[in-house]
């Protein structure tokens, strides 16, 4: 073994060291996607680079040939490792099976064997010679047919890997573009350098510069790891995400013909992708609105439907959300139909409705029985009051009567609160509600000034209870209320409904506390309940009147939850 100094020796060692460090880094993070094939790739490059360093640092033919044989396990592994990396990076890791790995490494293993036995057949290297360049002896090889077979195989594999990464580059988010640029630089530079060397287009044709090109690849990968979180966060293929969705997805064109659907949709509809493509969607999903019945802006509106389907003898319930597919010019390219199985949700809702019905029945019976007993108590208290003139006894009777009436109010509050939010919100006419309350106000000689607009509010069905509590609050606490007025003021934030009376009003320190549960001279539940009812649909209430001139309750209605009737 005769050693010589070559200027390429340090470069090859540096490339091997960088590649080895990257291989160790990849292996330490082997639980991350792409890390294992990346570690294999860098290890193969490291073997190639160290073997090249040994080749250029020796001058005798035996050592140079040994170095070439040591390089080839790394050389033939690099293309396969790139392909495995591209499989995982593009979301096709399911292609990496034992059978495919065996087939991919079959040619590389054959080529390594042919290099090791080249002296017997000369099919890999037909001629092994030496050349002297600037006083340094290098191996000068003439390639045989097996070499070119290996080159074609390697370039084909690298081409497939590049195409997979480019496809991910085109369809992926810009967030991952930096990663992909680093990967493409890392694969393109050695690829083109190796092609140029193979066809002898580089001036220093005696030395294969491909391992040196991997130094640039290593730097590109390092930048990708440090700046773009390569090997830490990688994009996921859209087709993989769609295939693993629990919801069904059907894609239709502008003529409502099915052009794609995923596996869950196949199960829900009961037809395969092959049998569904080109079929009008209405043949399989009759609830979907026909394209002929939609015009203009209707094509851009989302639709919601429900349907029932019998699957394996069981009736299942599905929710369909239909959304338009828009182009960048706001044109409509088709529609996406998302199908969600809501069978469990529907069964839970039915079970909850049955349970609630039983609880409501029990509560209703219990309240009825308690109120009957309260009525008996009030009758007895009234009897006791008429049978005595003792002031102390009358005071005790009054205390007991207040206590029983409070119990009565608490039970009525429980009944109203139990109904809170049970029924779906609906459009409620404010004037119709006050028509029902006018007899109450008339009993107390209160004049009502109606609003100048006929307003409907989308709210809980207990909205009438809100205004009843406001009127009752004026009667009980206003002391000398003779007028109640209602008006509405449209604002940028929606609509403000003002309820005002000419009573004593609310002291400044109590304006927030009057909506707390239990605050007040009686049960303290009326305004608390009013606020809770309004809050169900996003309405709010506050008191802004001047103490001594009457109350002023502001009910604020968000946009879209009121309408003015003409």
Protein backbone atom coordinates (compact mmCIF):
# COMPACT_ATOMS: atom_id res chain seq x y z
CA UNK A 1 0.00 0.00 0.00
CA UNK A 2 1.59 3.25 -1.19
CA UNK A 3 0.14 6.57 0.07
CA UNK A 4 0.07 9.89 -1.76
CA UNK A 5 -1.34 13.31 -1.01
CA UNK A 6 -4.22 14.45 -3.18
CA UNK A 7 -5.96 17.84 -2.92
CA UNK A 8 -9.31 15.96 -3.06
CA UNK A 9 -8.50 13.92 0.05
CA UNK A 10 -9.58 16.57 2.58
CA UNK A 11 -12.72 17.41 0.59
CA UNK A 12 -13.82 13.78 0.49
CA UNK A 13 -13.14 13.38 4.22
CA UNK A 14 -15.13 16.55 4.97
CA UNK A 15 -18.04 15.33 2.87
CA UNK A 16 -17.97 11.96 4.61
CA UNK A 17 -17.86 13.57 8.06
CA UNK A 18 -20.78 15.91 7.30
CA UNK A 19 -22.80 13.01 5.90
CA UNK A 20 -22.01 10.84 8.91
CA UNK A 21 -23.12 13.58 11.32
CA UNK A 22 -26.36 13.95 9.40
CA UNK A 23 -26.86 10.18 9.43
CA UNK A 24 -26.47 10.11 13.22
CA UNK A 25 -28.87 13.07 13.53
CA UNK A 26 -31.46 11.30 11.42
CA UNK A 27 -31.14 8.06 13.36
CA UNK A 28 -31.53 9.79 16.70
CA UNK A 29 -34.80 11.22 15.42
CA UNK A 30 -35.89 7.97 13.75
CA UNK A 31 -39.42 8.20 15.19
CA UNK A 32 -40.03 11.23 12.94
CA UNK A 33 -41.30 10.63 9.43
CA UNK A 34 -38.52 10.57 6.77
CA UNK A 35 -35.79 10.25 9.42
CA UNK A 36 -34.92 6.59 8.76
CA UNK A 37 -34.50 6.84 4.96
CA UNK A 38 -32.63 10.13 5.49
CA UNK A 39 -30.23 8.40 7.91
CA UNK A 40 -29.72 5.58 5.39
CA UNK A 41 -29.08 8.08 2.61
CA UNK A 42 -26.49 10.03 4.59
CA UNK A 43 -24.81 6.82 5.77
CA UNK A 44 -24.53 5.64 2.15
CA UNK A 45 -23.05 9.01 1.11
CA UNK A 46 -20.61 8.80 4.03
CA UNK A 47 -19.41 5.33 2.91
CA UNK A 48 -19.06 6.64 -0.66
CA UNK A 49 -17.08 9.71 0.46
CA UNK A 50 -14.71 7.85 2.81
CA UNK A 51 -14.10 5.23 0.12
CA UNK A 52 -13.30 8.00 -2.38
CA UNK A 53 -10.87 9.55 0.14
CA UNK A 54 -9.09 6.18 0.41
CA UNK A 55 -8.98 5.86 -3.38
CA UNK A 56 -7.31 9.22 -4.04
CA UNK A 57 -4.86 8.87 -1.11
CA UNK A 58 -3.35 5.62 -2.42
CA UNK A 59 -1.25 5.14 -5.54
CA UNK A 60 -1.05 1.34 -5.91
CA UNK A 61 -3.73 -0.40 -8.06
CA UNK A 62 -4.65 -2.98 -5.42
CA UNK A 63 -5.61 -0.38 -2.79
CA UNK A 64 -7.45 1.75 -5.34
CA UNK A 65 -9.50 -1.24 -6.49
CA UNK A 66 -10.25 -2.16 -2.87
CA UNK A 67 -11.40 1.42 -2.23
CA UNK A 68 -13.70 1.26 -5.25
CA UNK A 69 -15.23 -1.99 -3.98
CA UNK A 70 -15.74 -0.40 -0.54
CA UNK A 71 -17.49 2.60 -2.13
CA UNK A 72 -20.04 0.63 -4.10
CA UNK A 73 -22.33 -0.46 -1.22
CA UNK A 74 -22.82 3.26 -0.57
CA UNK A 75 -23.01 4.23 -4.26
CA UNK A 76 -25.79 1.76 -5.11
CA UNK A 77 -27.71 2.52 -1.88
CA UNK A 78 -27.96 6.28 -2.49
CA UNK A 79 -30.65 6.13 -5.25
CA UNK A 80 -32.78 3.65 -3.29
CA UNK A 81 -32.47 5.73 -0.12
CA UNK A 82 -33.60 8.83 -2.07
CA UNK A 83 -36.63 6.93 -3.33
CA UNK A 84 -37.54 5.73 0.18
CA UNK A 85 -37.16 9.29 1.45
CA UNK A 86 -39.47 10.59 -1.29
CA UNK A 87 -42.03 7.87 -0.47
CA UNK A 88 -42.30 9.02 3.13
CA UNK A 89 -42.08 12.75 2.38
CA UNK A 90 -44.88 12.53 -0.20
CA UNK A 91 -47.12 10.51 2.12
CA UNK A 92 -46.64 7.16 0.36
CA UNK A 93 -44.91 5.32 3.19
CA UNK A 94 -47.37 2.46 2.69
CA UNK A 95 -45.33 1.62 -0.44
CA UNK A 96 -42.38 0.71 1.78
CA UNK A 97 -43.03 -3.00 2.28
CA UNK A 98 -40.64 -5.92 2.70
CA UNK A 99 -41.42 -7.14 -0.77
CA UNK A 100 -40.77 -3.73 -2.35
CA UNK A 101 -37.55 -3.28 -0.37
CA UNK A 102 -36.35 -6.67 -1.59
CA UNK A 103 -37.09 -5.73 -5.20
CA UNK A 104 -35.49 -2.28 -4.88
CA UNK A 105 -32.24 -3.65 -3.42
CA UNK A 106 -32.06 -6.61 -5.82
CA UNK A 107 -30.15 -4.70 -8.54
CA UNK A 108 -27.84 -2.88 -6.06
CA UNK A 109 -26.93 -6.20 -4.41
CA UNK A 110 -26.23 -7.74 -7.82
CA UNK A 111 -24.01 -4.78 -8.77
CA UNK A 112 -21.98 -4.99 -5.53
CA UNK A 113 -21.40 -8.66 -6.23
CA UNK A 114 -20.35 -7.89 -9.80
CA UNK A 115 -17.85 -5.26 -8.62
CA UNK A 116 -16.36 -7.69 -6.08
CA UNK A 117 -15.93 -10.37 -8.77
CA UNK A 118 -14.99 -8.06 -11.65
CA UNK A 119 -11.53 -9.66 -12.07
CA UNK A 120 -13.23 -12.86 -13.26
CA UNK A 121 -15.65 -11.43 -15.83
CA UNK A 122 -14.77 -7.73 -16.44
CA UNK A 123 -18.44 -6.89 -17.01
CA UNK A 124 -18.52 -3.98 -14.58
CA UNK A 125 -15.11 -2.50 -15.38
CA UNK A 126 -13.78 -3.70 -18.71
CA UNK A 127 -10.39 -1.98 -18.25
CA UNK A 128 -8.67 -0.83 -15.06
CA UNK A 129 -5.75 1.55 -15.64
CA UNK A 130 -4.02 4.45 -13.92
CA UNK A 131 -3.47 8.05 -15.00
CA UNK A 132 -1.07 10.65 -13.65
CA UNK A 133 -2.41 14.17 -13.15
CA UNK A 134 -0.07 16.81 -11.70
CA UNK A 135 2.17 14.06 -10.33
CA UNK A 136 -0.70 12.21 -8.61
CA UNK A 137 -1.76 8.72 -9.69
CA UNK A 138 -5.51 8.16 -10.09
CA UNK A 139 -7.52 5.12 -11.11
CA UNK A 140 -8.73 5.38 -14.73
CA UNK A 141 -11.56 2.96 -15.46
CA UNK A 142 -13.39 1.97 -18.61
CA UNK A 143 -16.92 0.92 -17.82
CA UNK A 144 -18.56 -2.33 -18.83
CA UNK A 145 -22.19 -3.19 -19.64
CA UNK A 146 -23.24 -3.98 -16.04
CA UNK A 147 -22.07 -0.51 -14.98
CA UNK A 148 -24.35 1.14 -17.53
CA UNK A 149 -27.21 -1.14 -16.47
CA UNK A 150 -26.68 0.06 -12.90
CA UNK A 151 -26.50 3.71 -14.03
CA UNK A 152 -29.81 3.45 -15.90
CA UNK A 153 -31.45 1.78 -12.91
CA UNK A 154 -30.09 4.39 -10.48
CA UNK A 155 -31.09 7.36 -12.66
CA UNK A 156 -34.58 5.92 -13.15
CA UNK A 157 -35.04 5.60 -9.39
CA UNK A 158 -33.72 9.11 -8.73
CA UNK A 159 -36.00 10.47 -11.47
CA UNK A 160 -39.03 8.88 -9.77
CA UNK A 161 -37.94 10.35 -6.42
CA UNK A 162 -37.55 13.81 -7.95
CA UNK A 163 -40.99 13.62 -9.58
CA UNK A 164 -42.63 12.66 -6.26
CA UNK A 165 -40.97 15.58 -4.46
CA UNK A 166 -41.82 18.00 -7.28
CA UNK A 167 -45.44 16.87 -7.16
CA UNK A 168 -45.50 17.60 -3.43
CA UNK A 169 -43.81 20.96 -4.14
CA UNK A 170 -46.53 21.97 -6.62
CA UNK A 171 -49.52 20.98 -4.50
CA UNK A 172 -48.21 21.73 -1.04
CA UNK A 173 -48.62 24.86 1.06
CA UNK A 174 -46.02 27.63 0.79
CA UNK A 175 -45.12 26.88 4.43
CA UNK A 176 -43.23 23.77 3.25
CA UNK A 177 -41.67 25.26 0.12
CA UNK A 178 -38.41 26.02 1.94
CA UNK A 179 -38.07 22.38 2.98
CA UNK A 180 -38.67 21.16 -0.55
CA UNK A 181 -36.23 23.62 -2.10
CA UNK A 182 -33.54 22.34 0.29
CA UNK A 183 -34.38 18.73 -0.63
CA UNK A 184 -34.36 19.45 -4.38
CA UNK A 185 -31.00 21.22 -4.17
CA UNK A 186 -29.63 18.27 -2.19
CA UNK A 187 -30.74 15.77 -4.83
CA UNK A 188 -30.29 17.77 -8.07
CA UNK A 189 -26.68 18.88 -7.63
CA UNK A 190 -25.15 15.38 -7.07
CA UNK A 191 -27.50 13.97 -9.71
CA UNK A 192 -26.37 16.33 -12.47
CA UNK A 193 -22.72 16.18 -11.42
CA UNK A 194 -22.83 12.40 -11.60
CA UNK A 195 -24.49 12.49 -15.03
CA UNK A 196 -21.80 14.87 -16.28
CA UNK A 197 -19.06 12.62 -14.92
CA UNK A 198 -20.62 9.49 -16.40
CA UNK A 199 -20.69 11.02 -19.89
CA UNK A 200 -17.24 12.63 -19.40
CA UNK A 201 -18.32 16.25 -19.64
CA UNK A 202 -16.24 17.39 -16.66
CA UNK A 203 -12.60 18.29 -17.33
CA UNK A 204 -11.21 16.24 -14.43
CA UNK A 205 -12.76 13.01 -15.70
CA UNK A 206 -10.41 10.77 -13.75
CA UNK A 207 -11.97 11.73 -10.39
CA UNK A 208 -15.68 11.19 -9.69
CA UNK A 209 -16.73 14.53 -8.10
CA UNK A 210 -20.14 13.27 -6.96
CA UNK A 211 -19.07 12.82 -3.29
CA UNK A 212 -17.84 16.43 -3.34
CA UNK A 213 -21.25 17.54 -4.59
CA UNK A 214 -22.75 15.88 -1.54
CA UNK A 215 -21.03 18.54 0.59
CA UNK A 216 -23.42 21.07 -0.96
CA UNK A 217 -26.23 18.59 -0.39
CA UNK A 218 -25.29 18.31 3.28
CA UNK A 219 -25.24 22.10 3.66
CA UNK A 220 -28.68 22.35 1.98
CA UNK A 221 -30.08 19.68 4.30
CA UNK A 222 -28.58 21.43 7.34
CA UNK A 223 -30.25 24.70 6.30
CA UNK A 224 -33.52 22.81 5.84
CA UNK A 225 -33.25 21.30 9.33
CA UNK A 226 -32.26 24.53 11.10
CA UNK A 227 -34.47 27.04 9.28
CA UNK A 228 -37.38 25.08 7.82
CA UNK A 229 -37.76 22.31 10.44
CA UNK A 230 -36.96 19.56 7.97
CA UNK A 231 -37.34 16.13 9.61
CA UNK A 232 -39.36 17.82 12.36
CA UNK A 233 -42.50 18.94 10.52
CA UNK A 234 -43.33 17.46 7.13
CA UNK A 235 -46.36 17.93 4.89
CA UNK A 236 -49.00 15.24 4.75
CA UNK A 237 -50.45 14.09 1.46
CA UNK A 238 -53.98 15.30 0.84
CA UNK A 239 -55.06 11.96 -0.58
CA UNK A 240 -53.83 10.25 2.60
CA UNK A 241 -55.80 12.69 4.76
CA UNK A 242 -58.93 12.22 2.65
CA UNK A 243 -58.61 8.44 2.68
CA UNK A 244 -58.40 8.37 6.48
CA UNK A 245 -61.30 10.74 7.13
CA UNK A 246 -64.21 9.34 9.13
CA UNK A 247 -66.62 11.49 7.11
CA UNK A 248 -67.59 10.61 3.58
CA UNK A 249 -66.60 13.02 0.82
CA UNK A 250 -68.17 13.16 -2.64
CA UNK A 251 -66.91 15.55 -5.33
CA UNK A 252 -69.24 16.47 -8.19
CA UNK A 253 -68.72 18.66 -11.26
CA UNK A 254 -70.89 21.54 -12.46
CA UNK A 255 -73.28 19.04 -14.07
CA UNK A 256 -73.66 17.21 -10.72
CA UNK A 257 -71.84 14.12 -11.97
CA UNK A 258 -69.72 12.31 -9.39
CA UNK A 259 -66.01 12.58 -10.17
CA UNK A 260 -64.54 11.32 -6.88
CA UNK A 261 -65.44 9.89 -3.48
CA UNK A 262 -63.47 8.46 -0.58
CA UNK A 263 -63.78 5.10 1.19
CA UNK A 264 -66.27 6.22 3.90
CA UNK A 265 -68.54 7.64 1.19
CA UNK A 266 -68.41 4.29 -0.60
CA UNK A 267 -69.66 2.59 2.57
CA UNK A 268 -72.33 5.19 3.30
CA UNK A 269 -73.76 5.27 -0.23
CA UNK A 270 -73.21 1.61 -0.97
CA UNK A 271 -71.35 2.00 -4.27
CA UNK A 272 -67.68 1.77 -5.27
CA UNK A 273 -65.65 4.58 -6.78
CA UNK A 274 -65.52 2.76 -10.11
CA UNK A 275 -69.28 2.37 -10.17
CA UNK A 276 -69.99 5.94 -9.03
CA UNK A 277 -67.80 8.03 -11.32
CA UNK A 278 -69.92 9.74 -13.97
CA UNK A 279 -73.22 8.89 -12.24
CA UNK A 280 -75.54 11.86 -11.50
CA UNK A 281 -75.36 12.53 -7.77
CA UNK A 282 -79.17 12.65 -7.49
CA UNK A 283 -79.35 8.96 -8.41
CA UNK A 284 -77.43 8.13 -5.24
CA UNK A 285 -78.27 11.13 -3.00
CA UNK A 286 -81.81 12.27 -3.90
CA UNK A 287 -81.83 14.97 -1.21
CA UNK A 288 -79.12 17.01 -3.01
CA UNK A 289 -80.54 20.01 -4.89
CA UNK A 290 -80.32 19.64 -8.65
CA UNK A 291 -77.94 22.03 -10.44
CA UNK A 292 -80.76 23.01 -12.81
CA UNK A 293 -82.69 24.49 -9.88
CA UNK A 294 -79.84 26.77 -8.75
CA UNK A 295 -79.06 30.10 -10.40
CA UNK A 296 -76.68 32.98 -9.71
CA UNK A 297 -75.61 33.30 -6.08
CA UNK A 298 -77.52 30.16 -5.12
CA UNK A 299 -74.61 28.17 -6.57
CA UNK A 300 -72.30 29.63 -3.90
CA UNK A 301 -74.56 28.96 -0.91
CA UNK A 302 -73.86 26.03 1.40
CA UNK A 303 -76.66 23.52 1.86
CA UNK A 304 -77.49 21.22 4.77
CA UNK A 305 -79.55 18.06 4.40
CA UNK A 306 -80.25 14.89 6.35
CA UNK A 307 -80.91 11.42 5.03
CA UNK A 308 -81.42 7.89 6.27
CA UNK A 309 -79.65 4.88 4.80
CA UNK A 310 -79.92 1.18 5.63
CA UNK A 311 -76.45 -0.35 6.04
CA UNK A 312 -76.06 -4.00 7.08
CA UNK A 313 -79.70 -4.11 8.10
CA UNK A 314 -79.43 -1.05 10.38
CA UNK A 315 -81.00 2.32 9.67
CA UNK A 316 -78.33 4.98 9.96
CA UNK A 317 -78.76 8.75 9.98
CA UNK A 318 -76.48 11.06 7.98
CA UNK A 319 -75.94 14.80 7.78
CA UNK A 320 -74.91 16.24 4.40
CA UNK A 321 -73.04 19.54 4.08
CA UNK A 322 -72.77 20.70 0.46
CA UNK A 323 -70.19 23.40 -0.31
CA UNK A 324 -69.21 24.95 -3.67
CA UNK A 325 -65.72 24.52 -5.12
CA UNK A 326 -64.63 28.01 -6.16
CA UNK A 327 -61.87 29.01 -8.55
CA UNK A 328 -59.51 31.93 -7.95
CA UNK A 329 -61.77 34.03 -10.18
CA UNK A 330 -64.75 33.17 -7.92
CA UNK A 331 -66.18 30.80 -10.51
CA UNK A 332 -67.83 27.52 -9.50
CA UNK A 333 -66.00 24.34 -10.53
CA UNK A 334 -68.29 21.90 -8.75
CA UNK A 335 -69.36 20.93 -5.24
CA UNK A 336 -68.04 18.93 -2.30
CA UNK A 337 -70.56 16.88 -0.34
CA UNK A 338 -69.43 15.94 3.18
CA UNK A 339 -71.41 13.04 4.66
CA UNK A 340 -71.29 12.63 8.45
CA UNK A 341 -72.75 9.67 10.28
CA UNK A 342 -74.90 11.13 13.07
CA UNK A 343 -76.58 7.89 14.11
CA UNK A 344 -75.01 7.87 17.59
CA UNK A 345 -75.82 11.55 18.04
CA UNK A 346 -79.43 11.00 16.97
CA UNK A 347 -79.80 8.01 19.32
CA UNK A 348 -78.31 10.05 22.16
CA UNK A 349 -80.69 12.92 21.41
CA UNK A 350 -83.67 10.54 21.38
CA UNK A 351 -82.57 8.95 24.66
CA UNK A 352 -82.04 12.39 26.17
CA UNK A 353 -85.48 13.53 24.98
CA UNK A 354 -87.11 10.48 26.59
CA UNK A 355 -85.21 11.04 29.83
CA UNK A 356 -86.08 14.73 29.84
CA UNK A 357 -89.73 13.93 29.20
CA UNK A 358 -89.74 11.65 32.24
CA UNK A 359 -88.01 14.27 34.39
CA UNK A 360 -90.40 16.98 33.17
CA UNK A 361 -93.36 14.77 34.01
CA UNK A 362 -92.03 14.07 37.48
CA UNK A 363 -91.24 17.76 38.05
CA UNK A 364 -94.66 18.80 36.80
CA UNK A 365 -96.43 16.38 39.13
CA UNK A 366 -94.23 17.43 42.05
CA UNK A 367 -94.81 21.15 41.41
CA UNK A 368 -98.54 20.57 41.07
CA UNK A 369 -98.70 18.73 44.39
CA UNK A 370 -96.58 21.35 46.17
CA UNK A 371 -98.67 24.22 44.78
CA UNK A 372 -101.81 22.45 45.98
CA UNK A 373 -100.35 22.33 49.46
CA UNK A 374 -99.29 25.99 49.16
CA UNK A 375 -102.88 26.90 48.27
CA UNK A 376 -104.08 25.03 51.37
CA UNK A 377 -101.57 26.94 53.51
CA UNK A 378 -102.65 30.30 52.08
CA UNK A 379 -106.32 29.48 52.75
CA UNK A 380 -105.52 28.50 56.32
CA UNK A 381 -103.45 31.65 56.82
CA UNK A 382 -106.33 33.76 55.52
CA UNK A 383 -108.67 31.96 57.93
CA UNK A 384 -106.35 32.63 60.88
CA UNK A 385 -106.08 36.31 59.90
CA UNK A 386 -109.86 36.76 59.93
CA UNK A 387 -110.14 35.08 63.37
CA UNK A 388 -107.78 37.33 65.34
CA UNK A 389 -107.17 41.00 66.03
CA UNK A 390 -103.96 40.56 68.03
CA UNK A 391 -101.27 42.75 66.36
CA UNK A 392 -98.46 40.35 67.22
CA UNK A 393 -100.40 37.41 65.86
CA UNK A 394 -101.26 39.35 62.67
CA UNK A 395 -97.55 40.15 62.20
CA UNK A 396 -96.63 36.48 62.53
CA UNK A 397 -99.37 35.56 60.06
CA UNK A 398 -98.00 38.16 57.61
CA UNK A 399 -94.48 36.71 57.88
CA UNK A 400 -95.81 33.21 57.22
CA UNK A 401 -97.84 34.43 54.26
CA UNK A 402 -94.75 36.08 52.71
CA UNK A 403 -92.77 32.87 53.20
CA UNK A 404 -95.43 30.76 51.51
CA UNK A 405 -95.76 33.24 48.63
CA UNK A 406 -91.98 33.15 48.16
CA UNK A 407 -92.19 29.37 47.94
CA UNK A 408 -94.88 29.78 45.31
CA UNK A 409 -92.69 32.20 43.30
CA UNK A 410 -89.69 29.86 43.59
CA UNK A 411 -91.71 26.96 42.18
CA UNK A 412 -92.96 29.14 39.31
CA UNK A 413 -89.37 30.25 38.63
CA UNK A 414 -88.24 26.59 38.54
CA UNK A 415 -90.97 25.86 36.02
CA UNK A 416 -89.86 28.72 33.75
CA UNK A 417 -86.14 27.99 34.14
CA UNK A 418 -86.76 24.35 33.29
CA UNK A 419 -88.14 25.42 29.92
CA UNK A 420 -85.16 27.68 29.23
CA UNK A 421 -83.53 26.78 25.89
CA UNK A 422 -85.52 23.55 25.50
CA UNK A 423 -87.36 24.65 22.38
CA UNK A 424 -85.68 26.01 19.28
CA UNK A 425 -85.58 29.83 18.98
CA UNK A 426 -88.15 31.41 16.70
CA UNK A 427 -89.27 34.81 15.45
CA UNK A 428 -91.26 36.56 18.22
CA UNK A 429 -93.36 39.68 17.58
CA UNK A 430 -92.81 42.27 20.32
CA UNK A 431 -96.17 44.01 19.86
CA UNK A 432 -98.09 40.72 20.09
CA UNK A 433 -96.37 40.04 23.40
CA UNK A 434 -97.42 43.43 24.79
CA UNK A 435 -100.98 42.92 23.58
CA UNK A 436 -101.10 40.00 26.03
CA UNK A 437 -99.70 42.22 28.82
CA UNK A 438 -102.00 45.22 28.30
CA UNK A 439 -104.80 43.79 30.51
CA UNK A 440 -102.27 43.52 33.35
CA UNK A 441 -101.17 47.14 32.87
CA UNK A 442 -104.79 48.24 32.60
CA UNK A 443 -105.56 46.73 35.98
CA UNK A 444 -103.03 49.14 37.54
CA UNK A 445 -104.13 52.14 35.40
CA UNK A 446 -100.84 52.16 33.50
CA UNK A 447 -100.78 53.78 30.04
CA UNK A 448 -98.70 51.94 27.43
CA UNK A 449 -96.91 53.79 24.62
CA UNK A 450 -96.10 51.26 21.86
CA UNK A 451 -93.04 51.47 19.56
CA UNK A 452 -93.25 53.19 16.20
CA UNK A 453 -91.97 50.05 14.41
CA UNK A 454 -93.34 46.53 14.33
CA UNK A 455 -90.35 44.44 15.43
CA UNK A 456 -89.77 40.69 15.32
CA UNK A 457 -86.90 39.19 17.31
CA UNK A 458 -85.32 35.78 16.80
CA UNK A 459 -85.12 34.55 20.38
CA UNK A 460 -86.08 31.88 22.84
CA UNK A 461 -89.80 31.27 23.10
CA UNK A 462 -89.74 32.56 26.71
CA UNK A 463 -89.21 36.13 25.44
CA UNK A 464 -92.76 36.93 26.61
CA UNK A 465 -91.61 36.07 30.14
CA UNK A 466 -88.87 38.70 29.83
CA UNK A 467 -91.30 41.53 29.15
CA UNK A 468 -93.74 40.20 31.75
CA UNK A 469 -90.97 40.39 34.35
CA UNK A 470 -90.12 43.96 33.29
CA UNK A 471 -93.77 45.04 33.59
CA UNK A 472 -94.12 43.21 36.92
CA UNK A 473 -90.92 44.88 38.12
CA UNK A 474 -92.39 48.31 37.26
CA UNK A 475 -95.62 47.51 39.12
CA UNK A 476 -93.97 46.11 42.27
CA UNK A 477 -90.95 48.42 42.58
CA UNK A 478 -91.81 51.55 40.61
CA UNK A 479 -94.14 52.80 43.42
CA UNK A 480 -96.07 55.29 41.26
CA UNK A 481 -95.75 54.07 37.67
CA UNK A 482 -98.45 55.47 35.38
CA UNK A 483 -96.80 55.06 31.95
CA UNK A 484 -94.68 52.39 30.27
CA UNK A 485 -93.16 53.02 26.84
CA UNK A 486 -91.35 50.89 24.34
CA UNK A 487 -89.24 52.08 21.40
CA UNK A 488 -86.61 50.64 19.08
CA UNK A 489 -83.44 52.27 17.76
CA UNK A 490 -81.47 50.71 14.87
CA UNK A 491 -77.69 51.07 15.40
CA UNK A 492 -74.49 49.90 13.73
CA UNK A 493 -74.34 47.10 16.33
CA UNK A 494 -77.87 45.90 15.56
CA UNK A 495 -81.04 47.06 17.30
CA UNK A 496 -81.65 48.54 20.76
CA UNK A 497 -85.09 48.13 22.32
CA UNK A 498 -85.77 50.65 25.12
CA UNK A 499 -88.22 49.82 27.91
CA UNK A 500 -88.97 52.86 30.13
CA UNK A 501 -91.39 53.77 32.92
CA UNK A 502 -91.91 56.89 35.08
CA UNK A 503 -91.36 55.23 38.45
CA UNK A 504 -88.61 55.75 41.01
CA UNK A 505 -85.93 54.01 38.95
CA UNK A 506 -82.89 52.09 40.14
CA UNK A 507 -80.15 53.50 42.41
CA UNK A 508 -76.74 53.71 40.63
CA UNK A 509 -75.13 51.21 42.99
CA UNK A 510 -77.76 48.57 42.14
CA UNK A 511 -77.83 48.83 38.34
CA UNK A 512 -75.66 45.71 37.88
CA UNK A 513 -76.84 43.84 40.98
CA UNK A 514 -80.52 43.78 39.98
CA UNK A 515 -79.69 41.03 37.47
CA UNK A 516 -78.08 38.82 40.12
CA UNK A 517 -79.98 35.85 41.40
CA UNK A 518 -81.63 36.53 44.77
CA UNK A 519 -81.11 40.31 44.79
CA UNK A 520 -84.21 42.38 45.67
CA UNK A 521 -87.02 42.64 48.17
CA UNK A 522 -88.86 39.52 46.97
CA UNK A 523 -87.43 36.40 45.33
CA UNK A 524 -84.89 38.31 43.22
CA UNK A 525 -85.42 35.94 40.32
CA UNK A 526 -87.38 37.95 37.74
CA UNK A 527 -84.60 40.03 36.18
CA UNK A 528 -82.11 37.18 36.60
CA UNK A 529 -84.40 34.95 34.54
CA UNK A 530 -84.90 37.73 31.95
CA UNK A 531 -81.15 38.04 31.42
CA UNK A 532 -80.76 34.26 31.13
CA UNK A 533 -83.54 33.99 28.53
CA UNK A 534 -82.05 36.78 26.38
CA UNK A 535 -78.55 35.34 26.64
CA UNK A 536 -79.59 32.07 24.98
CA UNK A 537 -79.68 33.75 21.56
CA UNK A 538 -76.98 36.36 22.17
CA UNK A 539 -79.22 39.23 23.32
CA UNK A 540 -78.20 41.36 26.30
CA UNK A 541 -79.91 43.70 28.76
CA UNK A 542 -78.76 46.53 31.02
CA UNK A 543 -80.34 49.34 33.05
CA UNK A 544 -79.31 52.90 32.13
CA UNK A 545 -82.08 55.07 33.60
CA UNK A 546 -81.72 58.10 35.90
CA UNK A 547 -82.64 57.36 39.50
CA UNK A 548 -85.77 59.28 40.48
CA UNK A 549 -87.18 59.56 36.93
CA UNK A 550 -87.84 55.87 36.14
CA UNK A 551 -86.15 52.77 34.75
CA UNK A 552 -84.60 52.47 31.32
CA UNK A 553 -83.82 48.93 30.24
CA UNK A 554 -81.79 48.55 27.02
CA UNK A 555 -82.21 45.22 25.21
CA UNK A 556 -79.56 44.89 22.53
CA UNK A 557 -80.27 42.62 19.56
CA UNK A 558 -77.36 41.58 17.28
CA UNK A 559 -77.59 42.01 13.49
CA UNK A 560 -79.51 39.27 11.74
CA UNK A 561 -81.67 38.52 14.77
CA UNK A 562 -84.34 41.14 14.21
CA UNK A 563 -86.54 42.21 11.35
CA UNK A 564 -88.87 45.17 10.90
CA UNK A 565 -92.29 44.39 9.52
CA UNK A 566 -93.94 46.93 7.22
